[in-house]
Protein backbone atom coordinates (compact mmCIF):
# COMPACT_ATOMS: atom_id res chain seq x y z
CA MET A 1 -17.87 -21.56 6.50
CA SER A 2 -15.66 -23.66 6.95
CA ARG A 3 -17.19 -27.51 7.44
CA TYR A 4 -15.01 -28.21 10.42
CA PHE A 5 -17.81 -25.60 12.89
CA ASP A 6 -20.78 -28.01 11.19
CA ARG A 7 -19.71 -30.70 14.08
CA ASP A 8 -20.93 -30.16 18.28
CA PRO A 9 -19.69 -27.21 19.22
CA SER A 10 -18.02 -28.73 22.22
CA GLU A 11 -15.36 -30.27 19.64
CA TRP A 12 -14.21 -26.97 18.61
CA ASN A 13 -10.88 -26.39 19.00
CA ILE A 14 -7.54 -24.79 16.93
CA GLU A 15 -5.18 -27.66 17.62
CA SER A 16 -7.69 -29.60 15.65
CA PHE A 17 -8.71 -27.17 13.04
CA LEU A 18 -5.41 -26.57 11.90
CA GLU A 19 -5.03 -30.19 11.21
CA ASN A 20 -7.83 -30.28 9.19
CA CYS A 21 -8.15 -27.42 7.62
CA ASP A 22 -6.91 -27.83 3.93
CA GLN A 23 -5.45 -24.32 3.81
CA LYS A 24 -1.90 -24.19 2.39
CA THR A 25 -0.41 -21.93 4.96
CA THR A 26 -0.71 -21.69 8.58
CA ARG A 27 -1.55 -18.04 8.23
CA ALA A 28 -4.01 -18.76 5.80
CA LYS A 29 -5.37 -21.35 8.20
CA LEU A 30 -5.84 -19.07 11.08
CA GLY A 31 -7.39 -16.36 9.34
CA LEU A 32 -9.88 -18.89 8.48
CA TYR A 33 -10.20 -19.88 11.59
CA THR A 34 -11.28 -16.23 13.21
CA THR A 35 -13.47 -15.57 10.07
CA CYS A 36 -15.62 -17.96 10.35
CA LEU A 37 -15.46 -17.78 14.26
CA SER A 38 -16.76 -13.59 14.23
CA LYS A 39 -19.27 -14.26 11.54
CA ILE A 40 -20.65 -16.99 13.97
CA VAL A 41 -20.61 -14.34 17.04
CA LYS A 42 -22.57 -12.29 14.81
CA ASP A 43 -24.99 -14.41 13.00
CA GLU A 44 -24.80 -18.07 14.99
CA ASN A 45 -27.84 -19.61 17.73
CA ARG A 46 -26.87 -18.74 21.15
CA PRO A 47 -24.55 -22.36 22.35
CA ARG A 48 -22.70 -22.25 18.75
CA ARG A 49 -22.22 -18.08 19.52
CA GLU A 50 -21.05 -18.61 23.02
CA LYS A 51 -18.41 -21.24 21.94
CA ALA A 52 -17.38 -18.85 19.69
CA GLN A 53 -17.24 -15.76 21.75
CA ILE A 54 -14.97 -18.16 24.22
CA LEU A 55 -12.66 -19.35 21.44
CA LEU A 56 -12.11 -15.48 20.37
CA ASP A 57 -10.98 -14.47 24.13
CA SER A 58 -8.93 -17.04 23.90
CA ILE A 59 -7.14 -15.65 20.77
CA LYS A 60 -7.03 -12.15 22.17
CA LYS A 61 -5.44 -13.03 26.15
CA PRO A 62 -2.16 -14.44 26.47
CA LEU A 63 -2.86 -17.46 27.22
CA CYS A 64 -2.26 -21.03 25.02
CA LEU A 65 -4.16 -22.39 21.75
CA SER A 66 -6.79 -24.19 23.90
CA HIS A 67 -7.26 -22.23 27.21
CA GLU A 68 -11.02 -21.58 27.62
CA THR A 69 -11.94 -18.15 29.71
CA SER A 70 -15.39 -16.82 30.04
CA PHE A 71 -18.85 -16.98 28.88
CA GLY A 72 -20.94 -14.46 26.95
CA ALA A 73 -21.34 -13.33 24.23
CA GLN A 74 -20.74 -9.42 22.84
CA PRO A 75 -20.51 -8.18 19.61
CA LEU A 76 -16.77 -7.48 18.24
CA SER A 77 -16.02 -3.75 18.11
CA ARG A 78 -13.17 -2.14 15.36
CA SER A 79 -10.63 -2.81 18.83
CA ASP A 80 -11.37 -6.30 19.08
CA GLY A 81 -10.66 -6.89 15.45
CA ILE A 82 -7.41 -5.51 15.73
CA GLU A 83 -6.56 -7.42 18.58
CA ILE A 84 -7.63 -10.33 16.94
CA ASP A 85 -5.30 -9.76 14.02
CA LYS A 86 -2.03 -9.25 16.17
CA ALA A 87 -2.78 -12.92 18.17
CA VAL A 88 -2.62 -14.34 14.66
CA ARG A 89 0.31 -12.85 13.53
CA LYS A 90 1.63 -13.75 17.24
CA MET A 91 0.30 -17.51 16.76
CA THR A 92 1.59 -17.75 13.27
CA LYS A 93 4.98 -17.64 14.38
CA ASP A 94 4.39 -20.00 17.45
CA TRP A 95 2.76 -22.68 15.32
CA GLU A 96 5.49 -22.22 12.21
CA LEU A 97 7.71 -23.05 15.27
CA ASN A 98 6.58 -25.83 16.56
CA LYS A 99 4.28 -27.48 13.32
CA PRO A 100 5.28 -30.90 12.12
CA ILE A 101 7.69 -30.67 8.80
CA ILE A 102 8.62 -32.83 5.83
CA ASN A 103 11.41 -31.94 3.66
CA VAL A 104 11.49 -33.99 0.52
CA GLN A 105 15.16 -34.57 -0.92
CA ASN A 106 15.48 -35.77 -4.08
CA THR A 107 18.17 -37.71 -5.57
CA PHE A 108 18.51 -38.11 -9.28
CA SER A 109 21.27 -40.30 -10.75
CA GLY A 110 21.94 -42.67 -13.66
CA GLY A 111 18.58 -42.21 -14.54
CA THR A 112 16.65 -43.70 -11.68
CA PHE A 113 15.09 -41.75 -8.78
CA SER A 114 15.47 -42.05 -5.13
CA GLY A 115 13.52 -39.84 -2.55
CA GLY A 116 14.33 -39.65 1.45
CA GLN A 117 11.98 -37.90 4.10
CA THR A 118 13.10 -35.90 7.27
CA ILE A 119 10.59 -36.03 9.28
CA GLY A 120 10.87 -33.19 12.73
CA THR A 121 10.28 -30.23 13.74
CA VAL A 122 12.05 -26.45 13.13
CA GLY A 123 13.17 -26.53 16.58
CA GLY A 124 14.61 -30.06 15.76
CA ARG A 125 13.00 -31.95 18.75
CA ILE A 126 12.79 -34.50 16.65
CA SER A 127 14.42 -35.48 13.67
CA VAL A 128 13.45 -39.32 12.11
CA THR A 129 15.15 -40.21 8.55
CA LYS A 130 12.65 -42.36 6.11
CA ARG A 131 14.40 -43.82 2.96
CA ASN A 132 12.45 -46.14 0.50
CA GLN A 133 13.23 -46.45 -3.04
CA GLU A 134 10.34 -45.43 -5.80
CA ALA A 135 8.31 -47.35 -8.35
CA ASP A 136 9.85 -47.44 -11.94
CA ASN A 137 6.00 -46.38 -12.74
CA GLU A 138 5.53 -43.51 -10.10
CA LYS A 139 5.57 -40.04 -11.34
CA VAL A 140 8.85 -37.95 -10.38
CA PRO A 141 7.96 -34.43 -8.06
CA LYS A 142 7.71 -31.77 -9.70
CA ARG A 143 10.69 -29.27 -9.78
CA THR A 144 10.19 -26.05 -8.43
CA LYS A 145 11.50 -22.73 -10.51
CA ILE A 146 14.40 -22.50 -7.57
CA ASP A 147 15.47 -26.24 -8.64
CA ASP A 148 15.55 -25.28 -11.63
CA CYS A 149 17.97 -22.18 -11.80
CA LEU A 150 20.45 -24.33 -9.22
CA SER A 151 23.46 -25.92 -10.95
CA VAL A 152 24.22 -28.97 -8.69
CA GLY A 153 25.94 -32.07 -9.37
CA ASP A 154 28.38 -33.47 -12.39
CA GLN A 155 27.70 -31.96 -15.68
CA ARG A 156 25.91 -35.63 -16.81
CA GLY A 157 23.02 -34.12 -14.62
CA GLN A 158 23.41 -36.02 -11.18
CA ARG A 159 21.57 -34.10 -8.57
CA ASN A 160 22.45 -34.50 -4.91
CA GLU A 161 20.52 -32.16 -2.34
CA GLN A 162 20.07 -34.15 0.44
CA ILE A 163 20.48 -31.96 3.57
CA PRO A 164 22.32 -33.95 6.73
CA GLU A 165 20.01 -33.91 9.27
CA HIS A 166 21.69 -31.71 11.75
CA GLN A 167 21.00 -28.77 9.63
CA ILE A 168 17.59 -28.94 10.42
CA GLN A 169 17.26 -26.10 12.79
CA PRO A 170 15.29 -22.88 13.22
CA LYS A 171 15.56 -20.31 11.27
CA LYS A 172 16.83 -17.47 13.48
CA GLN A 173 16.65 -13.63 12.56
CA SER A 174 19.70 -11.31 12.94
CA ILE A 175 18.97 -8.39 14.32
CA GLU A 176 22.39 -7.08 14.30
CA SER A 177 23.08 -7.06 10.35
CA ASN A 178 20.44 -4.57 9.42
CA ASP A 179 17.68 -2.41 11.66
CA LEU A 180 16.12 -1.71 8.50
CA TYR A 181 14.65 -4.00 5.74
CA ASP A 182 11.33 -4.49 3.17
CA SER A 183 9.20 -6.92 3.77
CA GLU A 184 6.89 -5.67 0.71
CA ILE A 185 8.57 -7.74 -2.38
CA GLU A 186 6.57 -7.59 -5.17
CA ASP A 187 5.51 -10.46 -7.36
CA ALA A 188 4.60 -12.67 -4.46
CA GLN A 189 5.07 -16.40 -4.73
CA GLU A 190 2.30 -17.36 -2.70
CA PHE A 191 -0.72 -15.36 -2.31
CA THR A 192 -3.21 -14.89 1.06
CA LEU A 193 -5.88 -13.10 1.59
CA THR A 194 -6.49 -13.26 5.30
CA ASP A 195 -5.10 -9.60 5.98
CA PHE A 196 -8.10 -8.37 3.58
CA ASP A 197 -10.59 -10.80 5.42
CA ILE A 198 -9.80 -9.49 8.77
CA ALA A 199 -9.68 -5.89 7.54
CA TYR A 200 -13.07 -6.47 6.14
CA ASN A 201 -14.55 -8.34 9.07
CA SER A 202 -13.11 -5.31 11.30
CA LEU A 203 -15.28 -2.92 9.48
CA ASP A 204 -18.67 -1.57 10.91
CA PRO A 205 -21.36 -2.26 9.18
CA ALA A 206 -23.37 0.41 9.81
CA LYS A 207 -20.46 3.19 8.80
CA MET A 208 -20.41 1.64 5.16
CA TRP A 209 -20.86 3.29 1.96
CA THR A 210 -24.67 2.06 0.92
CA LEU A 211 -25.51 4.07 -2.48
CA LYS A 212 -28.69 5.29 -3.14
CA SER A 213 -29.23 4.42 -6.73
CA SER A 214 -29.28 0.54 -5.71
CA GLY A 215 -28.75 0.14 -2.08
CA ARG A 216 -25.76 -1.90 -2.55
CA VAL A 217 -23.07 -1.55 -0.33
CA VAL A 218 -19.37 -0.76 -1.97
CA GLU A 219 -17.52 -2.43 0.58
CA LYS A 220 -19.06 -5.66 0.21
CA VAL A 221 -19.24 -5.59 -3.39
CA ILE A 222 -15.74 -5.25 -3.16
CA TYR A 223 -14.74 -7.87 -0.73
CA GLU A 224 -17.10 -10.39 -2.44
CA TYR A 225 -15.13 -10.05 -5.46
CA ALA A 226 -11.27 -9.36 -4.28
CA ARG A 227 -11.23 -12.11 -2.26
CA LYS A 228 -11.41 -14.75 -4.92
CA LEU A 229 -8.29 -12.82 -6.80
CA THR A 230 -5.01 -14.67 -6.92
CA HIS A 231 -3.00 -11.54 -7.44
CA GLU A 232 -3.16 -8.03 -5.78
CA SER A 233 -5.24 -5.35 -6.31
CA TYR A 234 -6.25 -1.43 -5.18
CA LEU A 235 -9.40 -3.25 -3.74
CA HIS A 236 -7.44 -5.03 -1.27
CA SER A 237 -6.75 -1.55 0.09
CA PHE A 238 -10.42 -0.36 -0.19
CA ILE A 239 -9.29 1.77 -3.22
CA VAL A 240 -11.44 2.62 -5.94
CA ASN A 241 -9.70 3.96 -9.10
CA ASP A 242 -11.49 5.87 -11.81
CA ILE A 243 -9.27 3.99 -14.22
CA ASP A 244 -9.37 0.47 -13.40
CA VAL A 245 -11.40 -1.62 -15.89
CA ALA A 246 -12.44 -4.29 -13.31
CA THR A 247 -13.60 -1.72 -10.59
CA ARG A 248 -15.64 -0.29 -12.74
CA SER A 249 -17.12 -3.01 -14.04
CA LEU A 250 -18.18 -4.08 -10.85
CA PHE A 251 -21.12 -1.61 -11.01
CA SER A 252 -23.62 -0.54 -12.96
CA LYS A 253 -23.51 2.93 -14.95
CA GLU A 254 -25.66 4.92 -12.43
CA GLU A 255 -23.68 3.37 -9.50
CA TRP A 256 -20.50 4.46 -10.92
CA LYS A 257 -21.61 8.00 -11.90
CA GLU A 258 -22.52 8.10 -7.87
CA ILE A 259 -19.09 7.05 -6.41
CA THR A 260 -16.92 8.74 -8.81
CA THR A 261 -19.60 12.56 -8.16
CA SER A 262 -20.44 12.08 -4.59
CA GLU A 263 -18.26 14.58 -1.89
CA VAL A 264 -16.32 15.82 -4.85
CA LYS A 265 -13.93 18.34 -3.71
CA ASP A 266 -14.21 22.02 -5.49
CA LYS A 267 -11.76 22.08 -8.61
CA PRO A 268 -8.53 24.48 -7.85
CA LYS A 269 -8.95 27.67 -10.18
CA LEU A 270 -6.14 29.54 -10.78
CA GLU A 271 -6.03 33.43 -10.17
CA HIS A 272 -6.21 36.39 -12.50
CA SER A 273 -2.81 37.39 -12.37
CA HIS A 274 -1.83 33.74 -12.89
CA VAL A 275 -4.06 33.55 -16.28
CA ALA A 276 -2.82 37.12 -17.37
CA LEU A 277 0.72 35.90 -17.23
CA LEU A 278 0.70 32.67 -18.41
CA LYS A 279 -1.03 33.90 -22.03
CA LYS A 280 1.41 36.10 -21.69
CA TYR A 281 4.15 33.61 -21.88
CA THR A 282 2.21 31.85 -24.37
CA THR A 283 4.63 32.28 -27.48
CA ASP A 284 6.32 30.18 -30.30
CA ASN A 285 9.54 32.86 -30.76
CA ILE A 286 12.24 32.56 -28.43
CA LYS A 287 12.92 36.30 -28.70
CA GLU A 288 9.25 37.25 -27.99
CA LEU A 289 9.66 35.19 -24.62
CA ARG A 290 12.76 36.27 -23.94
CA ASN A 291 11.50 40.02 -23.61
CA ALA A 292 8.57 39.36 -21.73
CA LEU A 293 10.55 37.40 -19.28
CA SER A 294 12.79 40.11 -19.14
CA GLU A 295 9.58 42.57 -17.80
CA PRO A 296 8.45 42.24 -13.82
CA PRO A 297 6.49 39.81 -13.07
CA VAL A 298 4.25 42.21 -11.06
CA ASP A 299 2.85 44.87 -12.95
CA GLY A 300 2.37 48.53 -11.11
CA ALA A 301 3.36 46.91 -7.58
CA GLU A 302 6.39 46.62 -5.54
CA PHE A 303 6.62 42.21 -5.23
CA ASP A 304 5.71 41.11 -2.22
CA ARG A 305 6.88 37.29 -1.47
CA ASN A 306 3.60 36.24 0.18
CA LEU A 307 1.28 37.55 -2.68
CA HIS A 308 3.65 37.61 -5.92
CA PHE A 309 5.54 34.35 -5.10
CA ASP A 310 3.57 32.15 -7.83
CA LEU A 311 4.12 35.08 -10.19
CA ASP A 312 7.85 34.74 -9.55
CA PHE A 313 7.62 30.63 -10.43
CA ILE A 314 5.83 30.85 -13.58
CA ASN A 315 8.53 33.55 -14.65
CA TYR A 316 11.36 30.86 -12.96
CA ALA A 317 9.95 27.88 -14.43
CA TYR A 318 9.89 29.29 -18.23
CA ARG A 319 13.13 30.88 -17.96
CA GLY A 320 14.42 27.08 -17.03
CA MET A 321 12.77 25.95 -19.98
CA LEU A 322 14.38 28.51 -21.87
CA PHE A 323 18.00 27.17 -21.95
CA LEU A 324 16.74 23.89 -23.41
CA TRP A 325 14.47 25.77 -26.24
CA GLU A 326 17.08 27.75 -27.19
CA LYS A 327 19.14 25.01 -28.10
CA GLY A 328 17.42 24.49 -31.19
CA VAL A 329 16.86 20.81 -31.50
CA ASP A 330 14.26 18.15 -29.16
CA PRO A 331 16.02 17.42 -26.13
CA PHE A 332 14.01 14.73 -25.23
CA ASP A 333 15.21 11.44 -27.01
CA SER A 334 15.55 8.22 -25.67
CA THR A 335 19.21 8.64 -24.70
CA LYS A 336 18.41 10.45 -21.90
CA LEU A 337 17.74 8.82 -18.20
CA GLU A 338 15.24 9.23 -15.61
CA GLY A 339 17.53 11.18 -13.55
CA TRP A 340 18.10 13.57 -15.96
CA TYR A 341 14.53 14.30 -16.50
CA GLU A 342 14.25 15.17 -12.92
CA MET A 343 17.08 17.30 -12.80
CA CYS A 344 16.53 19.20 -16.21
CA VAL A 345 13.01 19.36 -16.24
CA TRP A 346 11.16 18.54 -13.32
CA GLY A 347 13.36 19.85 -10.94
CA ARG A 348 12.60 22.95 -12.30
CA LEU A 349 9.40 23.03 -12.37
CA ILE A 350 7.90 21.42 -9.08
CA ASP A 351 10.63 21.27 -7.11
CA PRO A 352 10.47 25.69 -6.65
CA ALA A 353 7.08 25.87 -6.83
CA PHE A 354 6.64 24.46 -3.01
CA ASP A 355 9.51 27.30 -1.50
CA ASN A 356 6.98 29.14 0.12
CA LEU A 357 4.64 26.23 2.16
CA ASP A 358 5.62 24.41 4.96
CA ILE A 359 6.28 21.12 2.62
CA ASN A 360 9.43 19.79 1.64
CA LEU A 361 9.55 17.94 -1.54
CA VAL A 362 12.39 15.00 -0.66
CA ARG A 363 13.87 13.44 -4.29
CA GLY A 364 15.90 10.63 -4.13
CA GLU A 365 14.16 7.10 -3.49
CA GLY A 366 13.10 8.76 -0.57
CA MET A 367 11.25 6.45 2.05
CA SER A 368 7.67 7.36 3.31
CA PHE A 369 7.43 7.46 7.06
CA ALA A 370 3.18 6.93 6.15
CA SER A 371 4.33 3.28 5.12
CA SER A 372 6.66 2.49 7.62
CA ASP A 373 4.86 3.52 10.33
CA ARG A 374 2.07 1.06 9.11
CA LYS A 375 4.25 -1.64 8.46
CA ASN A 376 5.80 -0.91 11.88
CA ILE A 377 2.28 -0.93 13.95
CA GLU A 378 2.89 -4.27 15.61
CA ARG A 379 6.70 -4.08 16.18
CA SER A 380 8.11 -4.90 19.03
CA VAL A 381 11.85 -4.14 20.24
CA ALA A 382 13.31 -7.83 19.04
CA ASP A 383 11.64 -7.15 15.85
CA ARG A 384 13.75 -5.22 12.88
CA LYS A 385 12.33 -2.00 11.34
CA MET A 386 10.96 -2.66 8.00
CA ILE A 387 11.70 0.44 5.72
CA GLY A 388 8.50 2.32 4.46
CA ARG A 389 7.76 2.43 0.56
CA LYS A 390 10.17 4.21 -1.69
CA GLY A 391 8.96 6.66 -4.10
CA ASP A 392 11.33 9.43 -6.62
CA GLY A 393 9.26 12.01 -4.19
CA VAL A 394 7.65 12.50 -0.97
CA PHE A 395 5.68 16.09 0.49
CA ARG A 396 6.76 16.39 3.48
CA GLN A 397 5.69 18.92 6.27
CA TYR A 398 9.03 20.65 7.56
CA LYS A 399 10.52 18.88 10.56
CA LYS A 400 7.61 16.89 10.92
CA ARG A 401 6.44 13.18 9.63
CA LEU A 402 3.20 14.18 8.00
CA GLU A 403 3.08 13.89 4.60
CA PHE A 404 0.86 15.33 1.87
CA GLY A 405 1.66 13.44 -1.89
CA ALA A 406 4.12 11.37 -3.43
CA VAL A 407 6.07 11.48 -6.50
CA GLU A 408 6.69 8.06 -9.25
CA ALA A 409 8.96 9.20 -11.82
CA GLY A 410 10.09 7.01 -15.21
CA ARG A 411 12.49 7.33 -17.99
CA LYS A 412 9.90 7.31 -20.59
CA TRP A 413 5.99 7.37 -21.49
CA GLU A 414 4.49 3.91 -22.70
CA GLY A 415 1.08 5.14 -22.05
CA LYS A 416 -1.81 4.58 -19.18
CA ILE A 417 -1.51 0.75 -20.46
CA GLY A 418 2.43 0.21 -19.84
CA THR A 419 3.57 -2.00 -17.92
CA LYS A 420 5.69 0.55 -15.52
CA TYR A 421 2.61 3.13 -15.84
CA LEU A 422 0.29 0.37 -14.03
CA LYS A 423 2.85 -0.90 -11.39
CA ASP A 424 3.75 2.53 -10.26
CA SER A 425 -0.04 4.01 -10.19
CA LEU A 426 -0.68 0.56 -7.63
CA LYS A 427 2.47 1.65 -5.89
CA LEU A 428 1.68 5.38 -5.74
CA CYS A 429 -1.68 4.70 -4.78
CA LYS A 430 -0.91 2.35 -1.65
CA MET A 431 1.75 5.36 -0.62
CA LEU A 432 -1.22 7.58 -1.32
CA LYS A 433 -3.64 5.26 1.44
CA ASP A 434 -0.87 5.56 3.86
CA MET A 435 -0.08 9.02 3.82
CA ILE A 436 -3.98 10.26 3.86
CA THR A 437 -4.56 7.19 7.04
CA GLN A 438 -1.56 9.42 8.33
CA LEU A 439 -3.62 12.59 8.19
CA SER A 440 -6.37 11.00 9.32
CA THR A 441 -4.57 9.72 12.74
CA GLU A 442 -3.59 13.08 12.80
CA CYS A 443 -7.08 14.50 12.80
CA ASP A 444 -7.83 12.05 15.92
CA GLY A 445 -10.71 10.56 13.10
CA VAL A 446 -13.02 13.33 13.67
CA GLU A 447 -15.13 12.61 10.24
CA ASP A 448 -16.12 16.26 9.21
CA LEU A 449 -12.21 16.74 8.63
CA VAL A 450 -10.97 13.71 7.34
CA ARG A 451 -13.73 13.93 4.58
CA GLN A 452 -12.40 17.01 3.62
CA LEU A 453 -8.61 15.55 3.23
CA GLN A 454 -6.81 15.18 -0.28
CA VAL A 455 -3.43 14.25 -1.21
CA VAL A 456 -1.43 14.28 -4.57
CA GLY A 457 0.46 12.11 -6.76
CA VAL A 458 2.14 12.80 -9.40
CA LEU A 459 3.20 10.39 -11.87
CA ASN A 460 6.12 11.50 -14.69
CA GLY A 461 7.18 9.16 -17.67
CA ALA A 462 10.28 11.51 -19.70
CA ASN A 463 8.75 14.77 -20.24
CA MET A 464 4.90 14.17 -19.69
CA ILE A 465 2.94 14.93 -16.34
CA GLN A 466 0.00 13.08 -14.52
CA ILE A 467 -1.90 14.46 -11.10
CA ILE A 468 -3.99 11.92 -9.41
CA THR A 469 -5.54 13.37 -6.04
CA MET A 470 -6.56 10.61 -3.32
CA ASP A 471 -9.72 11.57 -0.77
CA TYR A 472 -12.06 9.63 1.45
CA PRO A 473 -15.45 10.37 0.61
CA LYS A 474 -17.70 8.11 2.30
CA GLY A 475 -17.81 5.03 3.90
CA TYR A 476 -14.34 3.30 4.09
CA ILE A 477 -13.19 3.84 0.52
CA SER A 478 -10.48 5.60 -0.65
CA ARG A 479 -11.11 7.41 -4.03
CA VAL A 480 -8.61 8.09 -7.09
CA GLN A 481 -9.40 10.48 -9.63
CA ARG A 482 -6.71 11.50 -11.99
CA ARG A 483 -6.19 14.36 -14.25
CA ASN A 484 -5.26 15.10 -17.80
CA VAL A 485 -2.10 14.05 -18.77
CA ARG A 486 0.27 16.85 -19.97
CA GLU A 487 3.55 17.43 -21.79
CA VAL A 488 6.60 19.38 -21.53
CA ALA A 489 7.15 20.37 -25.68
CA GLY A 490 10.76 20.16 -26.50
CA ARG A 491 10.44 23.41 -28.23
CA LEU A 492 8.90 26.23 -27.83
CA THR A 493 4.91 26.14 -29.22
CA LYS A 494 1.57 27.42 -28.62
CA SER A 495 -0.07 24.02 -29.76
CA ASP A 496 1.45 22.50 -26.56
CA PRO A 497 1.96 25.21 -24.10
CA LEU A 498 3.96 24.76 -20.79
CA ALA A 499 0.98 27.11 -19.49
CA LEU A 500 -1.10 23.57 -19.17
CA VAL A 501 2.01 21.64 -17.37
CA LEU A 502 2.65 24.67 -15.03
CA LYS A 503 -1.69 25.10 -14.43
CA GLU A 504 -1.17 21.24 -13.18
CA ILE A 505 1.14 21.69 -10.78
CA LEU A 506 -0.04 24.92 -9.68
CA CYS A 507 -3.13 23.03 -8.49
CA ALA A 508 -1.47 19.87 -7.32
CA LYS A 509 0.42 22.65 -4.85
CA PHE A 510 -3.12 24.65 -3.85
CA ILE A 511 -4.42 20.77 -3.01
CA ILE A 512 -1.67 20.20 -1.03
CA LYS A 513 -2.10 23.78 0.60
CA GLN A 514 -5.89 22.99 0.89
CA THR A 515 -4.93 19.90 3.67
CA LEU A 516 -2.20 21.84 5.13
CA ASP A 517 -4.77 24.34 6.37
CA ILE A 518 -7.11 21.09 7.46
CA ILE A 519 -4.69 19.55 9.46
CA ASN A 520 -3.81 22.77 11.24
CA LYS A 521 -7.62 23.36 12.24
CA LYS A 522 -7.47 20.60 14.37
CA ASN A 523 -6.21 22.25 16.99
CA ASN A 524 -9.05 24.94 17.01
CA VAL A 525 -11.43 21.69 16.66
CA ASN A 526 -9.83 20.42 20.18
CA ILE A 527 -10.18 23.37 21.71
CA GLU A 528 -13.90 23.39 20.88
CA ILE A 529 -14.23 19.97 22.27
CA PHE A 530 -12.58 20.90 25.29
CA LEU A 531 -14.07 24.04 26.31
CA ASN A 532 -17.70 22.36 25.24
CA ASP A 533 -16.80 19.29 27.96
CA SER A 534 -18.33 19.52 31.03
CA ASP A 535 -20.39 17.68 33.90
CA ASP A 536 -23.00 20.25 33.57
CA GLN A 537 -23.52 19.46 30.01
CA GLY A 538 -24.46 15.62 30.95
CA GLY A 539 -20.79 14.35 29.00
CA SER A 540 -18.90 14.50 25.77
CA ARG A 541 -19.45 16.38 22.97
CA THR A 542 -17.03 14.47 20.83
CA PRO A 543 -17.93 15.06 17.48
CA PRO A 544 -18.24 11.15 15.16
CA THR A 545 -14.79 9.43 14.17
CA ILE A 546 -14.20 7.18 11.35
CA ALA A 547 -11.18 5.09 11.03
CA THR A 548 -9.66 4.17 7.44
CA PRO A 549 -8.80 0.22 7.14
CA PRO A 550 -5.59 -0.19 6.90
CA THR A 551 -3.25 -0.22 3.18
CA PHE A 552 -2.93 -4.23 2.03
CA THR A 553 0.83 -5.71 2.68
CA THR A 554 1.88 -7.18 -0.35
CA PRO A 555 2.35 -10.88 0.17
CA SER A 556 6.51 -11.22 0.64
CA LYS A 557 8.91 -14.42 -0.57
CA GLU A 558 12.06 -15.59 -0.75
CA ARG A 559 13.84 -14.30 -3.41
CA THR A 560 15.25 -17.00 -5.98
CA LYS A 561 19.13 -15.59 -4.92
CA ASP A 562 18.78 -15.87 -0.99
CA VAL A 563 17.72 -19.79 -1.12
CA ILE A 564 20.36 -20.96 -3.59
CA ASN A 565 22.71 -19.00 -1.87
CA GLU A 566 21.66 -20.60 1.54
CA ARG A 567 21.46 -24.26 -0.54
CA LYS A 568 25.01 -23.48 -1.47
CA LYS A 569 25.90 -22.83 1.97
CA ASN A 570 24.41 -25.60 3.40
CA ASN A 571 25.97 -27.92 0.65
CA ASN A 572 30.01 -26.56 1.33
CA LYS A 573 29.65 -27.74 5.16
């Protein structure tokens, strides 16, 4: 709680709070402001609570920052939290356009330093220039990393970055140059948890996951830990990853067991005919395999695509790999690139498996619609449309925007502690979180259906594959569970059979098909609700609903090359 609110409630207003708050960014200040007011509304005595409610109401309504509207404290709902979040975003833009700024202009020449300051607003309403000579014993301000990248001045190290007053103008946003851009740039320069604080305070405590083994609330434990982090984590999106050491350290063994085993979905099992065919093809002799593949995969029956498609797929997968195995040398060497693996290996093993479903695997850095929908939820006509996260593949329903899984691939496998694996895991999990949120919305938030949903992630590194699943077991937690890592052998062998890889792919297909069936059940639920809702029955019998918290948005920063180009452009004027 900010010390600002220790003063008399009659003195509270947003202008003075912004001036006295020690947070670095305006967005962080506004986030802290709304968070403190929300806590006061819930917990404090009546006079303070009423004043806090007035200030929150003034944020939610399209009035000036200090306008007070009505009295009376009402408990905050999830919709209130969303409205406040939208208002904070708008207020941040307005405040940044009008707040006073100080630009320090440094000049290095002949070993001496002189500092100039330009004081004014971004809009250029006020423009006053001060010049003062720094004392020799004062410290020279530390240059930023971007400044170190610049090459301004002559070869002797002279530096002159003074910006004329007439160049201090508001940053204009062009909507003509490009209607799509990615707002989530990795490796953020400045990390703010305002969105995380707002997301947590919008959750209903009554619907959070309380552990039976200890009575602790999972969401609260995650929030108290993640709000102190200076880097992005799974926890900022309320994702519990079964291999994340930091997450596991927050809970005892009993608590962790409860988290990882509660409401676990039944594991997919292969049909007897599938197992028999995979065993038949498991050999270390090329000639025996070719003879087995020449026989019909269906014994003693006419081929029926609806019944025997997976058997035909298994046969096709072995035929595709046989071309590589017959070379006699291991084709998987360090010279092969990611595109080669996608075309010559995974394009033969993964893509054909889904040809009998209403699912299309979109490859080639396809954008996730679910991620794009989340980023543009507050978009207006004047805003550019933000693109969704791009993966190496997206499992998307034909002719629709619904997505059921994603693929992330790489040209080599560095193990579970490799940088590529760790970064792709976070990226993939955030995409899956967007997808399961999209599917939850498609189910109208009906809790019985949402708790059954699962989405699938596929991690490929060279000839290695790992399937991960995400579900929504209890509370507001999204849980990630990983299956075993499997390898496509470079030669025909019994020790590393292709059967194990195909089993993982068929299991992923089963999960996607199961989720697709749940989505299709939604219409039956809606019809039942409609028939049961009548005046004679005393009101609606709508089943309970659950809302998923939003995926955490990676804080963005200006790219170094963009700043350099802008500086050069200004210097040439």
